[in-house]
Amino acid sequence: MFRLSKSEIYRGKHDFNAVHSRGKSFANHALVLLVVRNERYNGKVGFAAGKKLGGAVIRNRVKRLMREAYRLNKNSLRRDCGIILVGRKFLVNAKFKDAQKAFLELCKRAQLLKS
């Protein structure tokens, strides 16, 4: 139910670039959310953390925070769009509650939450 399968996650550079070029961007202090409404990208998600954030350990922690925030809330999100989450510097020292709050705030702004 709350599992995040590999088929739900963007892996290739091609998919990331497609969502990045076609998607609409929403941002706050912790995250950037890219959303594309297209049948090809239904229900898929990608996670990114740039090298500006720090080394591999730090980037992986940021991606884990984003993955967990998405995983726990994915059943309350619309499934007709593709999403990419990009971590910002705030998440380097953030707790999970802060990451989840920032994620839900962006989802609300992007109208991704089910009614």
PDB file of N, CA and C in Angstrom:
ATOM      1  N   MET A   1       0.829  -1.192   0.000  1.00  0.00           N
ATOM      2  CA  MET A   1       0.000   0.000   0.000  1.00  0.00           C
ATOM      3  C   MET A   1       0.871   1.253   0.000  1.00  0.00           C
ATOM      4  N   PHE A   2       1.785   1.362   0.931  1.00  0.00           N
ATOM      5  CA  PHE A   2       2.648   2.532   0.998  1.00  0.00           C
ATOM      6  C   PHE A   2       3.985   2.288   0.322  1.00  0.00           C
ATOM      7  N   ARG A   3       4.119   1.142  -0.341  1.00  0.00           N
ATOM      8  CA  ARG A   3       5.386   0.787  -0.956  1.00  0.00           C
ATOM      9  C   ARG A   3       5.635   1.643  -2.194  1.00  0.00           C
ATOM     10  N   LEU A   4       6.874   1.991  -2.429  1.00  0.00           N
ATOM     11  CA  LEU A   4       7.260   2.756  -3.605  1.00  0.00           C
ATOM     12  C   LEU A   4       8.051   1.830  -4.510  1.00  0.00           C
ATOM     13  N   SER A   5       7.393   1.326  -5.549  1.00  0.00           N
ATOM     14  CA  SER A   5       8.038   0.342  -6.416  1.00  0.00           C
ATOM     15  C   SER A   5       8.969   1.025  -7.416  1.00  0.00           C
ATOM     16  N   LYS A   6       9.891   0.245  -7.965  1.00  0.00           N
ATOM     17  CA  LYS A   6      10.854   0.783  -8.922  1.00  0.00           C
ATOM     18  C   LYS A   6      10.179   1.259 -10.197  1.00  0.00           C
ATOM     19  N   SER A   7       9.045   0.683 -10.539  1.00  0.00           N
ATOM     20  CA  SER A   7       8.348   1.096 -11.758  1.00  0.00           C
ATOM     21  C   SER A   7       7.701   2.477 -11.613  1.00  0.00           C
ATOM     22  N   GLU A   8       7.570   2.972 -10.388  1.00  0.00           N
ATOM     23  CA  GLU A   8       6.980   4.282 -10.139  1.00  0.00           C
ATOM     24  C   GLU A   8       8.012   5.401 -10.154  1.00  0.00           C
ATOM     25  N   ILE A   9       9.294   5.068 -10.232  1.00  0.00           N
ATOM     26  CA  ILE A   9      10.348   6.064 -10.081  1.00  0.00           C
ATOM     27  C   ILE A   9      11.024   6.313 -11.425  1.00  0.00           C
ATOM     28  N   TYR A  10      11.227   7.591 -11.759  1.00  0.00           N
ATOM     29  CA  TYR A  10      12.001   7.951 -12.940  1.00  0.00           C
ATOM     30  C   TYR A  10      13.444   7.560 -12.701  1.00  0.00           C
ATOM     31  N   ARG A  11      14.044   6.945 -13.696  1.00  0.00           N
ATOM     32  CA  ARG A  11      15.442   6.530 -13.577  1.00  0.00           C
ATOM     33  C   ARG A  11      16.345   7.236 -14.578  1.00  0.00           C
ATOM     34  N   GLY A  12      15.918   7.292 -15.830  1.00  0.00           N
ATOM     35  CA  GLY A  12      16.790   7.781 -16.885  1.00  0.00           C
ATOM     36  C   GLY A  12      16.817   9.291 -17.037  1.00  0.00           C
ATOM     37  N   LYS A  13      17.896   9.755 -17.608  1.00  0.00           N
ATOM     38  CA  LYS A  13      18.081  11.178 -17.869  1.00  0.00           C
ATOM     39  C   LYS A  13      17.015  11.683 -18.839  1.00  0.00           C
ATOM     40  N   HIS A  14      16.616  10.839 -19.772  1.00  0.00           N
ATOM     41  CA  HIS A  14      15.611  11.220 -20.763  1.00  0.00           C
ATOM     42  C   HIS A  14      14.290  11.608 -20.090  1.00  0.00           C
ATOM     43  N   ASP A  15      13.839  10.811 -19.126  1.00  0.00           N
ATOM     44  CA  ASP A  15      12.582  11.105 -18.418  1.00  0.00           C
ATOM     45  C   ASP A  15      12.688  12.390 -17.602  1.00  0.00           C
ATOM     46  N   PHE A  16      13.806  12.565 -16.905  1.00  0.00           N
ATOM     47  CA  PHE A  16      14.006  13.777 -16.112  1.00  0.00           C
ATOM     48  C   PHE A  16      13.976  15.004 -17.015  1.00  0.00           C
ATOM     49  N   ASN A  17      14.679  14.935 -18.142  1.00  0.00           N
ATOM     50  CA  ASN A  17      14.720  16.073 -19.062  1.00  0.00           C
ATOM     51  C   ASN A  17      13.350  16.371 -19.647  1.00  0.00           C
ATOM     52  N   ALA A  18      12.583  15.336 -19.956  1.00  0.00           N
ATOM     53  CA  ALA A  18      11.245  15.529 -20.517  1.00  0.00           C
ATOM     54  C   ALA A  18      10.332  16.232 -19.523  1.00  0.00           C
ATOM     55  N   VAL A  19      10.346  15.797 -18.284  1.00  0.00           N
ATOM     56  CA  VAL A  19       9.511  16.432 -17.259  1.00  0.00           C
ATOM     57  C   VAL A  19      10.010  17.845 -16.994  1.00  0.00           C
ATOM     58  N   HIS A  20      11.311  18.020 -16.967  1.00  0.00           N
ATOM     59  CA  HIS A  20      11.893  19.335 -16.700  1.00  0.00           C
ATOM     60  C   HIS A  20      11.513  20.341 -17.782  1.00  0.00           C
ATOM     61  N   SER A  21      11.516  19.909 -19.023  1.00  0.00           N
ATOM     62  CA  SER A  21      11.217  20.843 -20.117  1.00  0.00           C
ATOM     63  C   SER A  21       9.717  21.097 -20.275  1.00  0.00           C
ATOM     64  N   ARG A  22       8.875  20.102 -19.996  1.00  0.00           N
ATOM     65  CA  ARG A  22       7.436  20.246 -20.193  1.00  0.00           C
ATOM     66  C   ARG A  22       6.679  20.624 -18.927  1.00  0.00           C
ATOM     67  N   GLY A  23       7.310  20.443 -17.775  1.00  0.00           N
ATOM     68  CA  GLY A  23       6.594  20.586 -16.514  1.00  0.00           C
ATOM     69  C   GLY A  23       6.464  22.004 -16.015  1.00  0.00           C
ATOM     70  N   LYS A  24       5.561  22.171 -15.082  1.00  0.00           N
ATOM     71  CA  LYS A  24       5.364  23.444 -14.402  1.00  0.00           C
ATOM     72  C   LYS A  24       6.058  23.361 -13.051  1.00  0.00           C
ATOM     73  N   SER A  25       6.695  24.447 -12.650  1.00  0.00           N
ATOM     74  CA  SER A  25       7.530  24.451 -11.456  1.00  0.00           C
ATOM     75  C   SER A  25       6.842  25.173 -10.298  1.00  0.00           C
ATOM     76  N   PHE A  26       6.969  24.580  -9.113  1.00  0.00           N
ATOM     77  CA  PHE A  26       6.507  25.188  -7.865  1.00  0.00           C
ATOM     78  C   PHE A  26       7.652  25.061  -6.876  1.00  0.00           C
ATOM     79  N   ALA A  27       7.925  26.108  -6.109  1.00  0.00           N
ATOM     80  CA  ALA A  27       9.082  26.060  -5.216  1.00  0.00           C
ATOM     81  C   ALA A  27       8.772  26.712  -3.880  1.00  0.00           C
ATOM     82  N   ASN A  28       9.480  26.247  -2.861  1.00  0.00           N
ATOM     83  CA  ASN A  28       9.496  26.906  -1.558  1.00  0.00           C
ATOM     84  C   ASN A  28      10.923  26.836  -1.024  1.00  0.00           C
ATOM     85  N   HIS A  29      11.103  27.100   0.247  1.00  0.00           N
ATOM     86  CA  HIS A  29      12.452  27.163   0.827  1.00  0.00           C
ATOM     87  C   HIS A  29      13.164  25.814   0.847  1.00  0.00           C
ATOM     88  N   ALA A  30      12.426  24.715   0.786  1.00  0.00           N
ATOM     89  CA  ALA A  30      13.022  23.386   0.947  1.00  0.00           C
ATOM     90  C   ALA A  30      13.057  22.560  -0.331  1.00  0.00           C
ATOM     91  N   LEU A  31      12.096  22.756  -1.216  1.00  0.00           N
ATOM     92  CA  LEU A  31      11.936  21.882  -2.381  1.00  0.00           C
ATOM     93  C   LEU A  31      11.555  22.660  -3.627  1.00  0.00           C
ATOM     94  N   VAL A  32      11.837  22.040  -4.756  1.00  0.00           N
ATOM     95  CA  VAL A  32      11.278  22.465  -6.036  1.00  0.00           C
ATOM     96  C   VAL A  32      10.472  21.271  -6.541  1.00  0.00           C
ATOM     97  N   LEU A  33       9.243  21.524  -6.931  1.00  0.00           N
ATOM     98  CA  LEU A  33       8.351  20.490  -7.416  1.00  0.00           C
ATOM     99  C   LEU A  33       8.043  20.781  -8.880  1.00  0.00           C
ATOM    100  N   LEU A  34       8.390  19.836  -9.751  1.00  0.00           N
ATOM    101  CA  LEU A  34       8.076  19.943 -11.176  1.00  0.00           C
ATOM    102  C   LEU A  34       6.950  18.969 -11.484  1.00  0.00           C
ATOM    103  N   VAL A  35       5.899  19.468 -12.109  1.00  0.00           N
ATOM    104  CA  VAL A  35       4.719  18.650 -12.391  1.00  0.00           C
ATOM    105  C   VAL A  35       4.415  18.709 -13.877  1.00  0.00           C
ATOM    106  N   VAL A  36       4.210  17.538 -14.477  1.00  0.00           N
ATOM    107  CA  VAL A  36       3.770  17.472 -15.870  1.00  0.00           C
ATOM    108  C   VAL A  36       2.509  16.623 -15.921  1.00  0.00           C
ATOM    109  N   ARG A  37       1.487  17.165 -16.559  1.00  0.00           N
ATOM    110  CA  ARG A  37       0.224  16.437 -16.703  1.00  0.00           C
ATOM    111  C   ARG A  37       0.194  15.845 -18.114  1.00  0.00           C
ATOM    112  N   ASN A  38       0.465  14.549 -18.172  1.00  0.00           N
ATOM    113  CA  ASN A  38       0.568  13.862 -19.454  1.00  0.00           C
ATOM    114  C   ASN A  38       0.355  12.375 -19.190  1.00  0.00           C
ATOM    115  N   GLU A  39      -0.348  11.703 -20.064  1.00  0.00           N
ATOM    116  CA  GLU A  39      -0.636  10.275 -19.856  1.00  0.00           C
ATOM    117  C   GLU A  39       0.622   9.425 -19.774  1.00  0.00           C
ATOM    118  N   ARG A  40       1.654   9.825 -20.476  1.00  0.00           N
ATOM    119  CA  ARG A  40       2.887   9.035 -20.486  1.00  0.00           C
ATOM    120  C   ARG A  40       3.558   9.006 -19.105  1.00  0.00           C
ATOM    121  N   TYR A  41       3.375  10.043 -18.330  1.00  0.00           N
ATOM    122  CA  TYR A  41       4.075  10.174 -17.058  1.00  0.00           C
ATOM    123  C   TYR A  41       3.193   9.897 -15.847  1.00  0.00           C
ATOM    124  N   ASN A  42       2.035   9.303 -16.037  1.00  0.00           N
ATOM    125  CA  ASN A  42       1.083   9.096 -14.947  1.00  0.00           C
ATOM    126  C   ASN A  42       1.681   8.360 -13.755  1.00  0.00           C
ATOM    127  N   GLY A  43       1.548   8.959 -12.593  1.00  0.00           N
ATOM    128  CA  GLY A  43       1.909   8.299 -11.348  1.00  0.00           C
ATOM    129  C   GLY A  43       3.381   8.043 -11.126  1.00  0.00           C
ATOM    130  N   LYS A  44       4.247   8.696 -11.890  1.00  0.00           N
ATOM    131  CA  LYS A  44       5.680   8.476 -11.698  1.00  0.00           C
ATOM    132  C   LYS A  44       6.289   9.658 -10.953  1.00  0.00           C
ATOM    133  N   VAL A  45       7.398   9.379 -10.295  1.00  0.00           N
ATOM    134  CA  VAL A  45       8.060  10.407  -9.497  1.00  0.00           C
ATOM    135  C   VAL A  45       9.569  10.254  -9.633  1.00  0.00           C
ATOM    136  N   GLY A  46      10.268  11.377  -9.538  1.00  0.00           N
ATOM    137  CA  GLY A  46      11.725  11.372  -9.563  1.00  0.00           C
ATOM    138  C   GLY A  46      12.260  12.242  -8.435  1.00  0.00           C
ATOM    139  N   PHE A  47      13.445  11.911  -7.963  1.00  0.00           N
ATOM    140  CA  PHE A  47      14.060  12.645  -6.859  1.00  0.00           C
ATOM    141  C   PHE A  47      15.454  13.084  -7.278  1.00  0.00           C
ATOM    142  N   ALA A  48      15.790  14.347  -7.008  1.00  0.00           N
ATOM    143  CA  ALA A  48      17.094  14.866  -7.405  1.00  0.00           C
ATOM    144  C   ALA A  48      17.663  15.738  -6.305  1.00  0.00           C
ATOM    145  N   ALA A  49      18.973  15.660  -6.161  1.00  0.00           N
ATOM    146  CA  ALA A  49      19.706  16.509  -5.227  1.00  0.00           C
ATOM    147  C   ALA A  49      21.034  16.850  -5.888  1.00  0.00           C
ATOM    148  N   GLY A  50      21.253  18.122  -6.156  1.00  0.00           N
ATOM    149  CA  GLY A  50      22.447  18.558  -6.871  1.00  0.00           C
ATOM    150  C   GLY A  50      23.694  18.541  -6.015  1.00  0.00           C
ATOM    151  N   LYS A  51      24.830  18.636  -6.672  1.00  0.00           N
ATOM    152  CA  LYS A  51      26.118  18.581  -5.984  1.00  0.00           C
ATOM    153  C   LYS A  51      26.377  19.803  -5.117  1.00  0.00           C
ATOM    154  N   LYS A  52      25.616  20.876  -5.318  1.00  0.00           N
ATOM    155  CA  LYS A  52      25.762  22.066  -4.481  1.00  0.00           C
ATOM    156  C   LYS A  52      25.404  21.781  -3.022  1.00  0.00           C
ATOM    157  N   LEU A  53      24.599  20.755  -2.814  1.00  0.00           N
ATOM    158  CA  LEU A  53      24.163  20.427  -1.459  1.00  0.00           C
ATOM    159  C   LEU A  53      25.278  19.821  -0.615  1.00  0.00           C
ATOM    160  N   GLY A  54      26.204  19.136  -1.253  1.00  0.00           N
ATOM    161  CA  GLY A  54      27.297  18.513  -0.505  1.00  0.00           C
ATOM    162  C   GLY A  54      27.686  17.189  -1.133  1.00  0.00           C
ATOM    163  N   GLY A  55      28.357  16.383  -0.344  1.00  0.00           N
ATOM    164  CA  GLY A  55      28.835  15.084  -0.810  1.00  0.00           C
ATOM    165  C   GLY A  55      27.718  14.076  -0.975  1.00  0.00           C
ATOM    166  N   ALA A  56      28.100  12.883  -1.378  1.00  0.00           N
ATOM    167  CA  ALA A  56      27.127  11.833  -1.679  1.00  0.00           C
ATOM    168  C   ALA A  56      26.276  11.463  -0.468  1.00  0.00           C
ATOM    169  N   VAL A  57      26.874  11.432   0.705  1.00  0.00           N
ATOM    170  CA  VAL A  57      26.131  11.054   1.914  1.00  0.00           C
ATOM    171  C   VAL A  57      25.011  12.056   2.172  1.00  0.00           C
ATOM    172  N   ILE A  58      25.329  13.331   2.037  1.00  0.00           N
ATOM    173  CA  ILE A  58      24.338  14.389   2.275  1.00  0.00           C
ATOM    174  C   ILE A  58      23.253  14.358   1.201  1.00  0.00           C
ATOM    175  N   ARG A  59      23.649  14.214  -0.054  1.00  0.00           N
ATOM    176  CA  ARG A  59      22.665  14.174  -1.152  1.00  0.00           C
ATOM    177  C   ARG A  59      21.738  12.975  -0.998  1.00  0.00           C
ATOM    178  N   ASN A  60      22.276  11.834  -0.610  1.00  0.00           N
ATOM    179  CA  ASN A  60      21.439  10.649  -0.419  1.00  0.00           C
ATOM    180  C   ASN A  60      20.464  10.834   0.730  1.00  0.00           C
ATOM    181  N   ARG A  61      20.883  11.514   1.794  1.00  0.00           N
ATOM    182  CA  ARG A  61      19.985  11.787   2.917  1.00  0.00           C
ATOM    183  C   ARG A  61      18.840  12.690   2.473  1.00  0.00           C
ATOM    184  N   VAL A  62      19.151  13.712   1.689  1.00  0.00           N
ATOM    185  CA  VAL A  62      18.118  14.618   1.179  1.00  0.00           C
ATOM    186  C   VAL A  62      17.126  13.849   0.318  1.00  0.00           C
ATOM    187  N   LYS A  63      17.622  12.962  -0.545  1.00  0.00           N
ATOM    188  CA  LYS A  63      16.729  12.163  -1.388  1.00  0.00           C
ATOM    189  C   LYS A  63      15.893  11.199  -0.553  1.00  0.00           C
ATOM    190  N   ARG A  64      16.466  10.649   0.515  1.00  0.00           N
ATOM    191  CA  ARG A  64      15.689   9.772   1.405  1.00  0.00           C
ATOM    192  C   ARG A  64      14.546  10.535   2.062  1.00  0.00           C
ATOM    193  N   LEU A  65      14.819  11.775   2.509  1.00  0.00           N
ATOM    194  CA  LEU A  65      13.762  12.595   3.115  1.00  0.00           C
ATOM    195  C   LEU A  65      12.631  12.842   2.117  1.00  0.00           C
ATOM    196  N   MET A  66      12.997  13.184   0.887  1.00  0.00           N
ATOM    197  CA  MET A  66      11.980  13.454  -0.129  1.00  0.00           C
ATOM    198  C   MET A  66      11.199  12.194  -0.474  1.00  0.00           C
ATOM    199  N   ARG A  67      11.896  11.062  -0.598  1.00  0.00           N
ATOM    200  CA  ARG A  67      11.233   9.793  -0.916  1.00  0.00           C
ATOM    201  C   ARG A  67      10.236   9.404   0.163  1.00  0.00           C
ATOM    202  N   GLU A  68      10.631   9.570   1.405  1.00  0.00           N
ATOM    203  CA  GLU A  68       9.752   9.194   2.511  1.00  0.00           C
ATOM    204  C   GLU A  68       8.531  10.113   2.575  1.00  0.00           C
ATOM    205  N   ALA A  69       8.737  11.411   2.367  1.00  0.00           N
ATOM    206  CA  ALA A  69       7.604  12.348   2.354  1.00  0.00           C
ATOM    207  C   ALA A  69       6.630  11.986   1.241  1.00  0.00           C
ATOM    208  N   TYR A  70       7.150  11.642   0.080  1.00  0.00           N
ATOM    209  CA  TYR A  70       6.285  11.240  -1.034  1.00  0.00           C
ATOM    210  C   TYR A  70       5.589   9.914  -0.731  1.00  0.00           C
ATOM    211  N   ARG A  71       6.350   8.940  -0.263  1.00  0.00           N
ATOM    212  CA  ARG A  71       5.819   7.596  -0.033  1.00  0.00           C
ATOM    213  C   ARG A  71       4.646   7.606   0.933  1.00  0.00           C
ATOM    214  N   LEU A  72       4.766   8.351   2.017  1.00  0.00           N
ATOM    215  CA  LEU A  72       3.710   8.368   3.027  1.00  0.00           C
ATOM    216  C   LEU A  72       2.460   9.131   2.581  1.00  0.00           C
ATOM    217  N   ASN A  73       2.609   9.986   1.580  1.00  0.00           N
ATOM    218  CA  ASN A  73       1.479  10.805   1.141  1.00  0.00           C
ATOM    219  C   ASN A  73       1.003  10.475  -0.273  1.00  0.00           C
ATOM    220  N   LYS A  74       1.577   9.473  -0.916  1.00  0.00           N
ATOM    221  CA  LYS A  74       1.258   9.223  -2.320  1.00  0.00           C
ATOM    222  C   LYS A  74      -0.190   8.804  -2.537  1.00  0.00           C
ATOM    223  N   ASN A  75      -0.824   8.197  -1.560  1.00  0.00           N
ATOM    224  CA  ASN A  75      -2.221   7.784  -1.720  1.00  0.00           C
ATOM    225  C   ASN A  75      -3.192   8.960  -1.687  1.00  0.00           C
ATOM    226  N   SER A  76      -2.743  10.103  -1.206  1.00  0.00           N
ATOM    227  CA  SER A  76      -3.602  11.284  -1.188  1.00  0.00           C
ATOM    228  C   SER A  76      -3.317  12.218  -2.366  1.00  0.00           C
ATOM    229  N   LEU A  77      -2.431  11.783  -3.294  1.00  0.00           N
ATOM    230  CA  LEU A  77      -2.092  12.591  -4.460  1.00  0.00           C
ATOM    231  C   LEU A  77      -2.819  12.093  -5.702  1.00  0.00           C
ATOM    232  N   ARG A  78      -3.058  13.007  -6.620  1.00  0.00           N
ATOM    233  CA  ARG A  78      -3.634  12.637  -7.907  1.00  0.00           C
ATOM    234  C   ARG A  78      -2.628  11.787  -8.672  1.00  0.00           C
ATOM    235  N   ARG A  79      -3.125  10.859  -9.486  1.00  0.00           N
ATOM    236  CA  ARG A  79      -2.248   9.937 -10.206  1.00  0.00           C
ATOM    237  C   ARG A  79      -2.142  10.268 -11.697  1.00  0.00           C
ATOM    238  N   ASP A  80      -2.647  11.418 -12.117  1.00  0.00           N
ATOM    239  CA  ASP A  80      -2.662  11.732 -13.548  1.00  0.00           C
ATOM    240  C   ASP A  80      -1.518  12.655 -13.972  1.00  0.00           C
ATOM    241  N   CYS A  81      -0.427  12.637 -13.223  1.00  0.00           N
ATOM    242  CA  CYS A  81       0.686  13.513 -13.560  1.00  0.00           C
ATOM    243  C   CYS A  81       2.011  12.907 -13.086  1.00  0.00           C
ATOM    244  N   GLY A  82       3.080  13.406 -13.666  1.00  0.00           N
ATOM    245  CA  GLY A  82       4.417  13.011 -13.265  1.00  0.00           C
ATOM    246  C   GLY A  82       5.033  14.105 -12.402  1.00  0.00           C
ATOM    247  N   ILE A  83       5.856  13.708 -11.452  1.00  0.00           N
ATOM    248  CA  ILE A  83       6.423  14.648 -10.481  1.00  0.00           C
ATOM    249  C   ILE A  83       7.931  14.446 -10.384  1.00  0.00           C
ATOM    250  N   ILE A  84       8.655  15.543 -10.267  1.00  0.00           N
ATOM    251  CA  ILE A  84      10.067  15.488  -9.887  1.00  0.00           C
ATOM    252  C   ILE A  84      10.249  16.405  -8.690  1.00  0.00           C
ATOM    253  N   LEU A  85      10.905  15.896  -7.672  1.00  0.00           N
ATOM    254  CA  LEU A  85      11.231  16.681  -6.486  1.00  0.00           C
ATOM    255  C   LEU A  85      12.728  16.967  -6.476  1.00  0.00           C
ATOM    256  N   VAL A  86      13.076  18.225  -6.315  1.00  0.00           N
ATOM    257  CA  VAL A  86      14.476  18.631  -6.255  1.00  0.00           C
ATOM    258  C   VAL A  86      14.726  19.244  -4.882  1.00  0.00           C
ATOM    259  N   GLY A  87      15.704  18.701  -4.179  1.00  0.00           N
ATOM    260  CA  GLY A  87      16.010  19.190  -2.844  1.00  0.00           C
ATOM    261  C   GLY A  87      16.814  20.468  -2.867  1.00  0.00           C
ATOM    262  N   ARG A  88      16.592  21.309  -1.861  1.00  0.00           N
ATOM    263  CA  ARG A  88      17.341  22.548  -1.694  1.00  0.00           C
ATOM    264  C   ARG A  88      18.161  22.484  -0.408  1.00  0.00           C
ATOM    265  N   LYS A  89      18.995  23.470  -0.213  1.00  0.00           N
ATOM    266  CA  LYS A  89      19.954  23.504   0.897  1.00  0.00           C
ATOM    267  C   LYS A  89      19.277  23.340   2.271  1.00  0.00           C
ATOM    268  N   PHE A  90      18.062  23.826   2.406  1.00  0.00           N
ATOM    269  CA  PHE A  90      17.343  23.722   3.679  1.00  0.00           C
ATOM    270  C   PHE A  90      17.227  22.277   4.155  1.00  0.00           C
ATOM    271  N   LEU A  91      17.059  21.337   3.236  1.00  0.00           N
ATOM    272  CA  LEU A  91      16.855  19.935   3.611  1.00  0.00           C
ATOM    273  C   LEU A  91      18.110  19.259   4.146  1.00  0.00           C
ATOM    274  N   VAL A  92      19.268  19.862   3.954  1.00  0.00           N
ATOM    275  CA  VAL A  92      20.517  19.256   4.432  1.00  0.00           C
ATOM    276  C   VAL A  92      20.471  19.051   5.942  1.00  0.00           C
ATOM    277  N   ASN A  93      19.953  20.030   6.671  1.00  0.00           N
ATOM    278  CA  ASN A  93      19.899  19.946   8.134  1.00  0.00           C
ATOM    279  C   ASN A  93      18.477  19.800   8.664  1.00  0.00           C
ATOM    280  N   ALA A  94      17.530  19.532   7.788  1.00  0.00           N
ATOM    281  CA  ALA A  94      16.123  19.487   8.184  1.00  0.00           C
ATOM    282  C   ALA A  94      15.749  18.139   8.794  1.00  0.00           C
ATOM    283  N   LYS A  95      14.718  18.159   9.593  1.00  0.00           N
ATOM    284  CA  LYS A  95      14.102  16.950  10.122  1.00  0.00           C
ATOM    285  C   LYS A  95      13.017  16.493   9.150  1.00  0.00           C
ATOM    286  N   PHE A  96      12.559  15.258   9.316  1.00  0.00           N
ATOM    287  CA  PHE A  96      11.555  14.711   8.411  1.00  0.00           C
ATOM    288  C   PHE A  96      10.264  15.518   8.432  1.00  0.00           C
ATOM    289  N   LYS A  97       9.849  15.965   9.610  1.00  0.00           N
ATOM    290  CA  LYS A  97       8.603  16.733   9.712  1.00  0.00           C
ATOM    291  C   LYS A  97       8.649  17.989   8.845  1.00  0.00           C
ATOM    292  N   ASP A  98       9.821  18.647   8.820  1.00  0.00           N
ATOM    293  CA  ASP A  98       9.971  19.844   7.998  1.00  0.00           C
ATOM    294  C   ASP A  98       9.879  19.514   6.513  1.00  0.00           C
ATOM    295  N   ALA A  99      10.499  18.410   6.112  1.00  0.00           N
ATOM    296  CA  ALA A  99      10.468  17.992   4.712  1.00  0.00           C
ATOM    297  C   ALA A  99       9.039  17.644   4.289  1.00  0.00           C
ATOM    298  N   GLN A 100       8.326  16.938   5.148  1.00  0.00           N
ATOM    299  CA  GLN A 100       6.954  16.553   4.832  1.00  0.00           C
ATOM    300  C   GLN A 100       6.043  17.776   4.746  1.00  0.00           C
ATOM    301  N   LYS A 101       6.219  18.704   5.652  1.00  0.00           N
ATOM    302  CA  LYS A 101       5.408  19.923   5.645  1.00  0.00           C
ATOM    303  C   LYS A 101       5.647  20.723   4.362  1.00  0.00           C
ATOM    304  N   ALA A 102       6.913  20.844   3.961  1.00  0.00           N
ATOM    305  CA  ALA A 102       7.248  21.569   2.731  1.00  0.00           C
ATOM    306  C   ALA A 102       6.667  20.853   1.512  1.00  0.00           C
ATOM    307  N   PHE A 103       6.733  19.526   1.490  1.00  0.00           N
ATOM    308  CA  PHE A 103       6.199  18.741   0.377  1.00  0.00           C
ATOM    309  C   PHE A 103       4.684  18.934   0.257  1.00  0.00           C
ATOM    310  N   LEU A 104       3.966  18.829   1.358  1.00  0.00           N
ATOM    311  CA  LEU A 104       2.513  18.972   1.329  1.00  0.00           C
ATOM    312  C   LEU A 104       2.095  20.385   0.937  1.00  0.00           C
ATOM    313  N   GLU A 105       2.865  21.365   1.369  1.00  0.00           N
ATOM    314  CA  GLU A 105       2.592  22.756   1.000  1.00  0.00           C
ATOM    315  C   GLU A 105       2.672  22.930  -0.520  1.00  0.00           C
ATOM    316  N   LEU A 106       3.712  22.356  -1.123  1.00  0.00           N
ATOM    317  CA  LEU A 106       3.859  22.456  -2.575  1.00  0.00           C
ATOM    318  C   LEU A 106       2.775  21.678  -3.311  1.00  0.00           C
ATOM    319  N   CYS A 107       2.408  20.517  -2.786  1.00  0.00           N
ATOM    320  CA  CYS A 107       1.345  19.727  -3.412  1.00  0.00           C
ATOM    321  C   CYS A 107       0.027  20.478  -3.396  1.00  0.00           C
ATOM    322  N   LYS A 108      -0.227  21.173  -2.316  1.00  0.00           N
ATOM    323  CA  LYS A 108      -1.452  21.957  -2.207  1.00  0.00           C
ATOM    324  C   LYS A 108      -1.454  23.083  -3.247  1.00  0.00           C
ATOM    325  N   ARG A 109      -0.294  23.757  -3.369  1.00  0.00           N
ATOM    326  CA  ARG A 109      -0.173  24.849  -4.331  1.00  0.00           C
ATOM    327  C   ARG A 109      -0.288  24.357  -5.777  1.00  0.00           C
ATOM    328  N   ALA A 110       0.238  23.161  -6.045  1.00  0.00           N
ATOM    329  CA  ALA A 110       0.203  22.592  -7.385  1.00  0.00           C
ATOM    330  C   ALA A 110      -1.112  21.859  -7.668  1.00  0.00           C
ATOM    331  N   GLN A 111      -2.013  21.837  -6.703  1.00  0.00           N
ATOM    332  CA  GLN A 111      -3.315  21.176  -6.796  1.00  0.00           C
ATOM    333  C   GLN A 111      -3.164  19.684  -7.108  1.00  0.00           C
ATOM    334  N   LEU A 112      -2.247  19.030  -6.397  1.00  0.00           N
ATOM    335  CA  LEU A 112      -2.016  17.604  -6.561  1.00  0.00           C
ATOM    336  C   LEU A 112      -2.796  16.759  -5.558  1.00  0.00           C
ATOM    337  N   LEU A 113      -3.306  17.375  -4.510  1.00  0.00           N
ATOM    338  CA  LEU A 113      -4.024  16.620  -3.494  1.00  0.00           C
ATOM    339  C   LEU A 113      -5.430  16.278  -3.968  1.00  0.00           C
ATOM    340  N   LYS A 114      -5.854  15.055  -3.704  1.00  0.00           N
ATOM    341  CA  LYS A 114      -7.210  14.630  -4.053  1.00  0.00           C
ATOM    342  C   LYS A 114      -8.206  15.400  -3.199  1.00  0.00           C
ATOM    343  N   SER A 115      -9.364  15.646  -3.757  1.00  0.00           N
ATOM    344  CA  SER A 115     -10.405  16.375  -3.016  1.00  0.00           C
ATOM    345  C   SER A 115     -11.093  15.464  -2.023  1.00  0.00           C
TER     346      SER A 115
END
